[in-house]
Every structure is written in C-alpha cells, then in structure tokens.
Amino acid sequence: MDTRNEQLQQVALVTGANKGIGLAVAEGLLRLGMTVFLGARDISRGTAAVAALAAQGLDARGVQLDVTDQASIDAAADLIARDAGALDILVNNAGIVVSHARPSETSIEELRRTYETNVFGVVAVTNAVLPLLRRSSSARIVNLTSDLGSLALAAGDEDFPPLLSYNSSKTALNAVTVAYANELRAEGILVNAVSPGSVATDQNGHAGLLTTEQGARLPIRMATLPAGGPTGSAVTAGEDLSEHPLAW
C-alpha cells in the first residue's frame, strides 16, 4: 500500500540507463512527470547522462548501480529509500552480449559472465528493491528480454543466431519474469518481459532498424500499465512499432 501523499510523483528505477534503450526509457518516463533514478555501473557516465537530460529541463537522478555487485545494489536501494521512500516502477534494462561465439565455441567463463548480468543481476536488483515496490499501490516491473530468447522461434530454424550465452540468458530471464509474476500477482504488482524490437544500439553495432526512442515505447507502456493489466506476459515490438505476443 502506498503510504506517500498521492500527489507525489511516481518513482522509477531504470538499470543500465546511461545510454541506449535504458536512457530512452528513462527520458520517456521523465517526460511523463516521474522521478527517475538512472542506474549506471560507471558513475561518471551516469552523471553525464543526467547532465544531458538536465539540459532538456528534465530532473533525473543518477545512482551508481552495478547489477553484478551486491554492495552496489544495496547502496542504490538505500539511496532510493532515503530520497523517495518508495518505488513504483523497476525497469531491468541492464544487459550484455559478451561475444557472438557459436555454442561449441562458448566458454563457461563467457556463459557465467553473461548470466551474472542478464539473469542473476535482475534477480538481485528486484529482490533488493521489492520492499520499496511493495510500498506502491501500482508497482510495475519490466524486464528487457529479446526475441532471441524465444525457444519457439529458435526451434527448427537453422538460421537463428546461435548465441548460446545471450540467447539462453534471455530464455532464463523469461522464466524469471513468470516466477515473479506468479508470486506477486495477488499483491497487484505486474511483472512482464518486453523485447523492444530491432533497435540500433552498441550491442548490435547500431545495425538495428529502430531508434532507441522507438525501442523505448513498448517498455514505457508496460511500465505504466493500469490496474488489471497483464502480468507474466512477454511482448515484442515489430518493425512498424506494432505490438505482438512473444512466443516463449
């Protein structure tokens, strides 16, 4: 139950928000009038992102947040608790692509490193801020997934990108999303996975078809779902920005 004055702004945390889709999501939420904490592993890059938003008249707040470091996660959660008292929206955007190695050439070290950020980091951050989300009357969690995590799309398609580490980490993230959705359903906390579509980012050498602003549209929509909205779902954005269910 939200114990804050109802007139106060909603509060959001976006991980990996100093660039790319994360920054675009943060900017979109700011333009909706929210207080947004920009999580960044490198605090100098986070500070630069906050300054760029400030130049547009947007009052973002930077927070050092390395999703693979529990001390960093706990410190970020404490800062949000002190500054805002509660959290309405968590967007788990931080993610990495370590390499494009084929499965038979993928090292265990690469697999572990990918999962530390793309899977374990999501769980660690979510658990750390869940007490703050439970103080909200309309909490939302959005996990940034990928079409590459879809087993249904990959099965039988020999041309499907064979990125063992990245693809399987997003498949695991989808399972994590469903698990949290089921646990939190009775509390009214909606948890969904969103694939932003083919977005031009550093991860793909800016070869995507959508801008980061276009890629942010669907995550923002799912972060601002009304009461009674879907939970435990996965959706993806088409090249024409249309929304479709993402097959598990």
Protein backbone atom coordinates (compact mmCIF):
# COMPACT_ATOMS: atom_id res chain seq x y z
CA MET A 1 0.00 0.00 0.00
CA ASP A 2 1.36 3.40 -0.97
CA THR A 3 1.89 5.39 2.23
CA ARG A 4 3.05 8.54 0.43
CA ASN A 5 0.99 11.58 -0.38
CA GLU A 6 -0.94 10.64 -3.53
CA GLN A 7 0.05 13.94 -5.10
CA LEU A 8 3.73 12.97 -5.15
CA GLN A 9 5.30 11.91 -8.42
CA GLN A 10 5.72 8.29 -9.29
CA VAL A 11 9.25 6.99 -8.84
CA ALA A 12 11.10 4.74 -11.28
CA LEU A 13 14.46 2.99 -11.38
CA VAL A 14 15.99 2.06 -14.74
CA THR A 15 19.15 -0.07 -14.72
CA GLY A 16 21.78 0.42 -17.39
CA ALA A 17 20.28 3.83 -18.06
CA ASN A 18 23.29 5.91 -19.07
CA LYS A 19 22.87 5.10 -22.78
CA GLY A 20 20.84 3.26 -25.39
CA ILE A 21 17.37 1.92 -24.70
CA GLY A 22 17.76 2.43 -20.95
CA LEU A 23 18.41 6.14 -21.36
CA ALA A 24 15.49 6.47 -23.79
CA VAL A 25 13.17 4.69 -21.34
CA ALA A 26 14.34 6.95 -18.51
CA GLU A 27 13.76 10.04 -20.64
CA GLY A 28 10.29 8.86 -21.63
CA LEU A 29 9.31 8.27 -18.00
CA LEU A 30 10.71 11.67 -17.04
CA ARG A 31 8.57 13.30 -19.72
CA LEU A 32 5.55 11.64 -18.09
CA GLY A 33 6.37 13.62 -14.95
CA MET A 34 8.03 10.88 -12.92
CA THR A 35 11.06 10.96 -10.68
CA VAL A 36 13.56 8.66 -12.36
CA PHE A 37 16.73 7.15 -10.94
CA LEU A 38 19.24 6.38 -13.68
CA GLY A 39 21.23 3.33 -12.66
CA ALA A 40 24.72 3.25 -14.17
CA ARG A 41 27.66 0.97 -13.42
CA ASP A 42 30.07 3.79 -14.30
CA ILE A 43 29.00 6.76 -12.21
CA SER A 44 30.82 9.25 -14.48
CA ARG A 45 28.78 8.07 -17.46
CA GLY A 46 25.65 8.21 -15.34
CA THR A 47 26.47 11.76 -14.31
CA ALA A 48 26.94 12.74 -17.96
CA ALA A 49 23.56 11.25 -18.85
CA VAL A 50 21.87 13.13 -16.01
CA ALA A 51 23.51 16.36 -17.20
CA ALA A 52 22.30 15.78 -20.76
CA LEU A 53 18.76 15.31 -19.50
CA ALA A 54 19.05 18.37 -17.26
CA ALA A 55 19.96 20.39 -20.34
CA GLN A 56 16.50 19.46 -21.64
CA GLY A 57 14.85 20.55 -18.41
CA LEU A 58 14.44 17.01 -17.09
CA ASP A 59 15.29 16.35 -13.44
CA ALA A 60 16.80 12.86 -13.46
CA ARG A 61 18.73 11.42 -10.52
CA GLY A 62 21.86 9.35 -11.02
CA VAL A 63 22.71 6.34 -8.90
CA GLN A 64 25.76 4.11 -9.12
CA LEU A 65 24.45 0.61 -9.76
CA ASP A 66 26.46 -2.40 -10.85
CA VAL A 67 23.93 -5.23 -11.09
CA THR A 68 26.70 -7.80 -10.54
CA ASP A 69 27.80 -6.23 -7.23
CA GLN A 70 25.52 -6.80 -4.24
CA ALA A 71 27.05 -3.95 -2.24
CA SER A 72 26.34 -1.56 -5.11
CA ILE A 73 22.77 -2.86 -5.41
CA ASP A 74 22.12 -2.49 -1.68
CA ALA A 75 23.55 1.03 -1.66
CA ALA A 76 21.32 2.03 -4.57
CA ALA A 77 18.23 0.61 -2.84
CA ASP A 78 19.14 2.50 0.34
CA LEU A 79 19.57 5.75 -1.60
CA ILE A 80 16.14 5.40 -3.24
CA ALA A 81 14.58 4.57 0.12
CA ARG A 82 16.09 7.71 1.68
CA ASP A 83 15.33 10.03 -1.21
CA ALA A 84 11.93 8.76 -2.35
CA GLY A 85 10.59 6.40 0.31
CA ALA A 86 9.09 4.00 -2.23
CA LEU A 87 9.39 2.78 -5.80
CA ASP A 88 6.62 2.45 -8.38
CA ILE A 89 8.48 1.17 -11.43
CA LEU A 90 11.54 -1.03 -11.91
CA VAL A 91 12.88 -1.45 -15.44
CA ASN A 92 15.56 -4.15 -15.53
CA ASN A 93 17.31 -2.97 -18.67
CA ALA A 94 20.98 -3.66 -17.96
CA GLY A 95 22.27 -6.45 -20.17
CA ILE A 96 25.37 -7.56 -22.04
CA VAL A 97 26.44 -9.51 -25.10
CA VAL A 98 29.87 -10.92 -24.32
CA SER A 99 30.57 -12.42 -27.75
CA HIS A 100 28.96 -13.93 -30.81
CA ALA A 101 30.60 -17.32 -30.36
CA ARG A 102 28.78 -20.42 -31.54
CA PRO A 103 27.62 -22.84 -28.81
CA SER A 104 30.52 -25.24 -29.34
CA GLU A 105 32.97 -22.35 -29.02
CA THR A 106 31.39 -20.74 -25.95
CA SER A 107 33.46 -20.84 -22.78
CA ILE A 108 31.97 -21.46 -19.37
CA GLU A 109 33.51 -18.16 -18.28
CA GLU A 110 31.58 -16.33 -21.01
CA LEU A 111 28.38 -18.09 -20.02
CA ARG A 112 28.83 -17.20 -16.35
CA ARG A 113 29.64 -13.57 -17.13
CA THR A 114 26.54 -13.21 -19.29
CA TYR A 115 24.25 -14.78 -16.69
CA GLU A 116 25.73 -12.64 -13.91
CA THR A 117 24.33 -9.54 -15.61
CA ASN A 118 21.36 -10.73 -17.66
CA VAL A 119 19.84 -13.14 -15.12
CA PHE A 120 21.38 -13.03 -11.66
CA GLY A 121 21.60 -9.24 -11.76
CA VAL A 122 17.89 -8.96 -12.46
CA VAL A 123 17.05 -11.21 -9.52
CA ALA A 124 19.44 -9.36 -7.19
CA VAL A 125 18.11 -5.90 -8.07
CA THR A 126 14.47 -6.99 -7.97
CA ASN A 127 14.86 -8.59 -4.54
CA ALA A 128 16.71 -5.55 -3.19
CA VAL A 129 14.02 -3.03 -4.21
CA LEU A 130 10.98 -5.25 -3.73
CA PRO A 131 10.28 -3.83 -0.25
CA LEU A 132 10.12 -0.37 -1.89
CA LEU A 133 7.86 -1.61 -4.69
CA ARG A 134 5.52 -3.10 -2.08
CA ARG A 135 5.01 0.42 -0.69
CA SER A 136 3.45 1.47 -4.00
CA SER A 137 -0.22 0.98 -4.85
CA SER A 138 0.59 0.34 -8.53
CA ALA A 139 4.04 -1.21 -8.77
CA ARG A 140 5.30 -2.44 -12.14
CA ILE A 141 8.37 -4.48 -13.08
CA VAL A 142 9.55 -4.63 -16.69
CA ASN A 143 12.34 -6.99 -17.72
CA LEU A 144 14.02 -6.25 -21.06
CA THR A 145 14.17 -9.51 -22.98
CA SER A 146 14.81 -10.34 -26.64
CA ASP A 147 13.24 -12.26 -29.49
CA LEU A 148 16.48 -14.28 -29.36
CA GLY A 149 15.32 -15.76 -26.06
CA SER A 150 12.30 -17.40 -27.67
CA LEU A 151 12.59 -21.18 -27.82
CA ALA A 152 9.60 -21.36 -30.15
CA LEU A 153 11.25 -19.04 -32.68
CA ALA A 154 14.62 -20.78 -32.42
CA ALA A 155 13.42 -24.37 -32.69
CA GLY A 156 13.95 -25.82 -36.14
CA ASP A 157 15.40 -22.59 -37.57
CA GLU A 158 18.97 -23.29 -38.62
CA ASP A 159 19.48 -19.63 -39.45
CA PHE A 160 18.52 -18.45 -35.96
CA PRO A 161 21.50 -16.60 -34.41
CA PRO A 162 23.32 -19.30 -32.40
CA LEU A 163 24.38 -17.11 -29.47
CA LEU A 164 24.36 -19.61 -26.63
CA SER A 165 25.22 -17.21 -23.81
CA TYR A 166 22.97 -14.31 -24.75
CA ASN A 167 20.01 -16.28 -26.12
CA SER A 168 19.81 -18.71 -23.22
CA SER A 169 20.20 -15.87 -20.70
CA LYS A 170 17.11 -14.19 -22.16
CA THR A 171 15.24 -17.51 -22.11
CA ALA A 172 16.12 -17.78 -18.44
CA LEU A 173 15.04 -14.18 -17.88
CA ASN A 174 11.63 -15.02 -19.34
CA ALA A 175 11.30 -17.82 -16.78
CA VAL A 176 12.36 -15.42 -14.01
CA THR A 177 9.67 -12.99 -15.18
CA VAL A 178 6.93 -15.62 -14.94
CA ALA A 179 8.12 -16.73 -11.50
CA TYR A 180 7.95 -13.20 -10.07
CA ALA A 181 4.63 -12.51 -11.80
CA ASN A 182 3.08 -15.54 -10.15
CA GLU A 183 4.45 -14.67 -6.70
CA LEU A 184 3.40 -11.01 -6.85
CA ARG A 185 0.11 -11.37 -8.71
CA ALA A 186 -2.03 -11.28 -5.57
CA GLU A 187 -0.31 -8.06 -4.47
CA GLY A 188 -1.21 -6.29 -7.70
CA ILE A 189 2.42 -5.96 -8.80
CA LEU A 190 2.54 -6.53 -12.57
CA VAL A 191 5.67 -8.19 -13.95
CA ASN A 192 6.24 -8.51 -17.69
CA ALA A 193 9.00 -9.17 -20.20
CA VAL A 194 9.44 -6.81 -23.13
CA SER A 195 11.50 -7.25 -26.28
CA PRO A 196 11.98 -3.72 -27.67
CA GLY A 197 12.47 -4.99 -31.20
CA SER A 198 15.38 -4.49 -33.57
CA VAL A 199 16.89 -1.37 -32.01
CA ALA A 200 20.17 0.22 -33.09
CA THR A 201 22.44 0.01 -30.03
CA ASP A 202 26.06 -0.62 -29.12
CA GLN A 203 25.25 -4.31 -28.67
CA ASN A 204 24.50 -4.81 -32.36
CA GLY A 205 26.87 -2.23 -33.79
CA HIS A 206 23.92 0.11 -34.34
CA ALA A 207 22.59 -2.22 -37.05
CA GLY A 208 19.03 -2.28 -35.69
CA LEU A 209 16.04 -0.94 -37.58
CA LEU A 210 14.52 1.17 -34.79
CA THR A 211 15.84 4.18 -32.90
CA THR A 212 16.30 3.94 -29.15
CA GLU A 213 13.33 6.27 -28.72
CA GLN A 214 11.17 3.89 -30.78
CA GLY A 215 12.54 0.92 -28.83
CA ALA A 216 11.59 2.60 -25.57
CA ARG A 217 7.90 2.94 -26.43
CA LEU A 218 6.82 -0.59 -25.51
CA PRO A 219 8.85 -0.81 -22.26
CA ILE A 220 7.33 2.52 -21.20
CA ARG A 221 3.83 1.32 -21.99
CA MET A 222 4.31 -1.85 -19.96
CA ALA A 223 5.82 0.18 -17.11
CA THR A 224 2.68 2.31 -16.93
CA LEU A 225 0.00 -0.37 -17.23
CA PRO A 226 -3.28 0.39 -15.47
CA ALA A 227 -4.60 -1.81 -12.68
CA GLY A 228 -5.79 -5.14 -14.02
CA GLY A 229 -3.25 -5.12 -16.84
CA PRO A 230 -1.41 -8.23 -17.98
CA THR A 231 1.24 -9.90 -15.86
CA GLY A 232 3.55 -12.79 -16.62
CA SER A 233 3.46 -11.94 -20.31
CA ALA A 234 6.13 -11.36 -22.95
CA VAL A 235 5.60 -8.87 -25.77
CA THR A 236 7.71 -7.69 -28.67
CA ALA A 237 7.71 -4.70 -30.99
CA GLY A 238 7.58 -5.15 -34.76
CA GLU A 239 9.47 -3.03 -37.26
CA ASP A 240 6.31 -0.94 -37.69
CA LEU A 241 6.17 -0.46 -33.89
CA SER A 242 3.17 -2.78 -33.66
CA GLU A 243 2.93 -4.90 -30.52
CA HIS A 244 2.83 -8.69 -30.60
CA PRO A 245 2.96 -11.52 -28.05
CA LEU A 246 6.45 -13.01 -27.90
CA ALA A 247 6.35 -16.79 -28.11
CA TRP A 248 8.12 -18.47 -25.22
